[in-house]
């Protein structure tokens, strides 16, 4: 009997060993969650860049056909509540009459309503402003992982007005740079 109980003790884990294993598993799980969350935020930023480029192309096509850009009377328009809750197509779209003729539907920010991707907000969305001659298009307050003010491949999205830490990407004509 003494031999059997001594074998059981040698083949079992102590409480400290179990706690150490649980702690290691917890740390690994936290690292994985952070990595997945970071990758998802980066993917949303890539999507924002793609959306702005597609809208830029559609705006160029509109300009070629009409000789002006879709006009908002110089005011900002967006899909989010703070900027009018405009739609994604037709004359009521946040870019009037661009969709469905020049782009099937106006894209929405992949995480619209969350400022810098984390804080609920009624003013974080894609925005558009034009006087017909110039325009500015922004992913406003939603950029999560990159610094568009840095001098790198993202300098195309720099915004001279909002810049540092504003979580903004923008594309604009020269006359709208400082809107």
Protein backbone atom coordinates (compact mmCIF):
# COMPACT_ATOMS: atom_id res chain seq x y z
CA UNK A 1 0.00 0.00 0.00
CA UNK A 2 2.84 2.37 0.76
CA UNK A 3 4.26 1.82 -2.72
CA UNK A 4 0.97 2.72 -4.46
CA UNK A 5 0.50 6.00 -2.56
CA UNK A 6 4.09 6.99 -3.27
CA UNK A 7 3.54 6.38 -7.00
CA UNK A 8 0.45 8.57 -7.02
CA UNK A 9 2.28 11.43 -5.40
CA UNK A 10 5.09 11.29 -7.91
CA UNK A 11 2.73 11.24 -10.95
CA UNK A 12 0.43 14.09 -9.90
CA UNK A 13 0.77 17.86 -10.15
CA UNK A 14 1.11 20.10 -7.15
CA UNK A 15 -1.16 23.11 -6.72
CA UNK A 16 1.74 25.47 -7.47
CA UNK A 17 2.51 23.65 -10.72
CA UNK A 18 -1.13 23.90 -11.78
CA UNK A 19 -1.23 27.62 -10.96
CA UNK A 20 1.93 28.22 -12.99
CA UNK A 21 0.48 26.39 -16.00
CA UNK A 22 -2.79 28.36 -15.71
CA UNK A 23 -0.86 31.64 -15.50
CA UNK A 24 1.19 30.77 -18.60
CA UNK A 25 -1.96 29.86 -20.53
CA UNK A 26 -3.54 33.15 -19.45
CA UNK A 27 -0.54 35.16 -20.63
CA UNK A 28 -0.48 33.35 -23.97
CA UNK A 29 -4.22 33.94 -24.42
CA UNK A 30 -3.80 37.66 -23.71
CA UNK A 31 -0.97 37.93 -26.27
CA UNK A 32 -3.08 36.16 -28.89
CA UNK A 33 -6.10 38.38 -28.23
CA UNK A 34 -3.99 41.53 -28.54
CA UNK A 35 -2.46 40.26 -31.81
CA UNK A 36 -5.85 39.41 -33.32
CA UNK A 37 -7.33 42.75 -32.22
CA UNK A 38 -4.37 44.64 -33.68
CA UNK A 39 -4.61 42.74 -36.97
CA UNK A 40 -8.33 43.50 -37.23
CA UNK A 41 -7.72 47.23 -36.64
CA UNK A 42 -4.98 47.27 -39.30
CA UNK A 43 -7.31 45.52 -41.74
CA UNK A 44 -9.99 48.17 -41.11
CA UNK A 45 -7.44 50.93 -41.80
CA UNK A 46 -6.46 49.27 -45.08
CA UNK A 47 -10.16 49.11 -45.96
CA UNK A 48 -10.52 52.85 -45.21
CA UNK A 49 -7.62 53.63 -47.55
CA UNK A 50 -9.15 51.49 -50.30
CA UNK A 51 -12.57 53.10 -49.85
CA UNK A 52 -11.10 56.61 -50.14
CA UNK A 53 -9.18 55.67 -53.29
CA UNK A 54 -12.33 54.16 -54.87
CA UNK A 55 -14.29 57.30 -54.02
CA UNK A 56 -11.50 59.45 -55.46
CA UNK A 57 -11.72 57.52 -58.74
CA UNK A 58 -15.51 57.86 -58.81
CA UNK A 59 -15.22 61.61 -58.10
CA UNK A 60 -12.75 61.98 -60.99
CA UNK A 61 -15.21 60.20 -63.30
CA UNK A 62 -18.04 62.44 -62.08
CA UNK A 63 -15.90 65.53 -62.72
CA UNK A 64 -15.01 64.36 -66.22
CA UNK A 65 -18.70 63.91 -67.05
CA UNK A 66 -20.14 66.98 -65.29
CA UNK A 67 -17.32 69.53 -65.15
CA UNK A 68 -17.67 69.89 -61.38
CA UNK A 69 -17.69 67.76 -58.24
CA UNK A 70 -20.88 66.81 -56.38
CA UNK A 71 -21.71 69.98 -54.44
CA UNK A 72 -22.62 70.07 -50.75
CA UNK A 73 -22.85 73.84 -50.63
CA UNK A 74 -19.55 73.93 -48.74
CA UNK A 75 -20.91 71.97 -45.75
CA UNK A 76 -19.74 68.62 -44.41
CA UNK A 77 -21.95 65.60 -45.06
CA UNK A 78 -21.62 62.11 -43.62
CA UNK A 79 -23.54 58.99 -42.79
CA UNK A 80 -23.11 59.53 -39.02
CA UNK A 81 -25.68 61.44 -36.97
CA UNK A 82 -23.54 64.53 -36.27
CA UNK A 83 -23.08 65.21 -39.99
CA UNK A 84 -26.66 64.65 -41.14
CA UNK A 85 -27.10 60.88 -41.35
CA UNK A 86 -26.98 61.03 -45.16
CA UNK A 87 -27.57 57.90 -47.19
CA UNK A 88 -25.33 55.85 -49.43
CA UNK A 89 -26.89 56.55 -52.83
CA UNK A 90 -28.66 59.11 -54.98
CA UNK A 91 -29.24 62.78 -54.20
CA UNK A 92 -29.55 61.97 -50.49
CA UNK A 93 -26.14 60.31 -50.34
CA UNK A 94 -23.34 61.85 -48.32
CA UNK A 95 -21.72 62.46 -51.73
CA UNK A 96 -24.77 63.59 -53.72
CA UNK A 97 -25.49 61.68 -56.94
CA UNK A 98 -22.17 59.81 -57.00
CA UNK A 99 -23.84 56.44 -56.45
CA UNK A 100 -25.11 54.42 -58.22
CA UNK A 101 -23.84 55.97 -61.49
CA UNK A 102 -20.13 56.31 -60.67
CA UNK A 103 -19.85 53.78 -57.83
CA UNK A 104 -22.48 51.16 -56.92
CA UNK A 105 -22.97 52.44 -53.37
CA UNK A 106 -21.12 54.90 -51.13
CA UNK A 107 -18.98 52.88 -48.70
CA UNK A 108 -19.34 53.23 -44.95
CA UNK A 109 -16.50 53.19 -42.46
CA UNK A 110 -15.87 49.60 -41.30
CA UNK A 111 -16.29 50.67 -37.68
CA UNK A 112 -18.42 53.78 -38.08
CA UNK A 113 -19.56 55.31 -34.83
CA UNK A 114 -16.34 54.55 -32.92
CA UNK A 115 -13.87 57.38 -32.64
CA UNK A 116 -10.35 56.09 -33.26
CA UNK A 117 -11.93 52.65 -33.19
CA UNK A 118 -12.64 52.52 -29.45
CA UNK A 119 -14.94 55.26 -28.16
CA UNK A 120 -18.61 55.40 -29.22
CA UNK A 121 -19.20 58.60 -31.19
CA UNK A 122 -21.88 60.25 -33.33
CA UNK A 123 -19.33 62.12 -35.47
CA UNK A 124 -16.83 59.42 -36.52
CA UNK A 125 -17.48 58.41 -40.16
CA UNK A 126 -16.61 59.13 -43.78
CA UNK A 127 -17.18 62.81 -44.55
CA UNK A 128 -17.41 64.77 -47.78
CA UNK A 129 -17.42 68.49 -48.49
CA UNK A 130 -17.42 70.33 -51.81
CA UNK A 131 -18.15 73.68 -53.35
CA UNK A 132 -18.29 72.09 -56.82
CA UNK A 133 -14.77 73.24 -57.73
CA UNK A 134 -12.86 71.49 -54.95
CA UNK A 135 -13.60 68.65 -52.54
CA UNK A 136 -12.29 66.99 -49.41
CA UNK A 137 -13.09 63.41 -48.49
CA UNK A 138 -12.17 62.03 -45.06
CA UNK A 139 -12.23 58.96 -42.89
CA UNK A 140 -12.89 61.25 -39.96
CA UNK A 141 -12.00 60.24 -36.43
CA UNK A 142 -11.92 56.51 -37.19
CA UNK A 143 -8.32 55.64 -38.14
CA UNK A 144 -7.06 53.13 -35.58
CA UNK A 145 -3.50 51.94 -36.10
CA UNK A 146 -1.43 54.24 -38.26
CA UNK A 147 -0.21 57.79 -38.10
CA UNK A 148 -1.25 59.39 -41.39
CA UNK A 149 0.89 62.43 -40.56
CA UNK A 150 4.09 60.39 -40.70
CA UNK A 151 6.32 60.67 -43.74
CA UNK A 152 5.88 57.24 -45.26
CA UNK A 153 3.73 55.44 -47.79
CA UNK A 154 0.65 56.90 -46.08
CA UNK A 155 1.66 60.50 -46.74
CA UNK A 156 -0.94 60.41 -49.53
CA UNK A 157 -3.55 60.53 -46.74
CA UNK A 158 -1.97 63.35 -44.70
CA UNK A 159 -4.34 66.07 -43.66
CA UNK A 160 -2.82 69.51 -43.05
CA UNK A 161 -5.83 70.67 -41.02
CA UNK A 162 -6.50 67.72 -38.70
CA UNK A 163 -3.12 65.95 -38.68
CA UNK A 164 -1.47 64.74 -35.49
CA UNK A 165 -3.48 62.29 -33.47
CA UNK A 166 -6.84 63.15 -35.02
CA UNK A 167 -7.37 59.64 -36.40
CA UNK A 168 -8.02 61.09 -39.87
CA UNK A 169 -7.23 60.03 -43.43
CA UNK A 170 -8.14 62.44 -46.20
CA UNK A 171 -8.02 62.94 -49.94
CA UNK A 172 -8.62 66.39 -51.34
CA UNK A 173 -8.08 68.77 -54.21
CA UNK A 174 -5.55 71.58 -53.75
CA UNK A 175 -8.20 74.21 -53.02
CA UNK A 176 -9.72 72.12 -50.23
CA UNK A 177 -6.50 71.27 -48.37
CA UNK A 178 -7.26 73.50 -45.38
CA UNK A 179 -10.96 72.81 -44.95
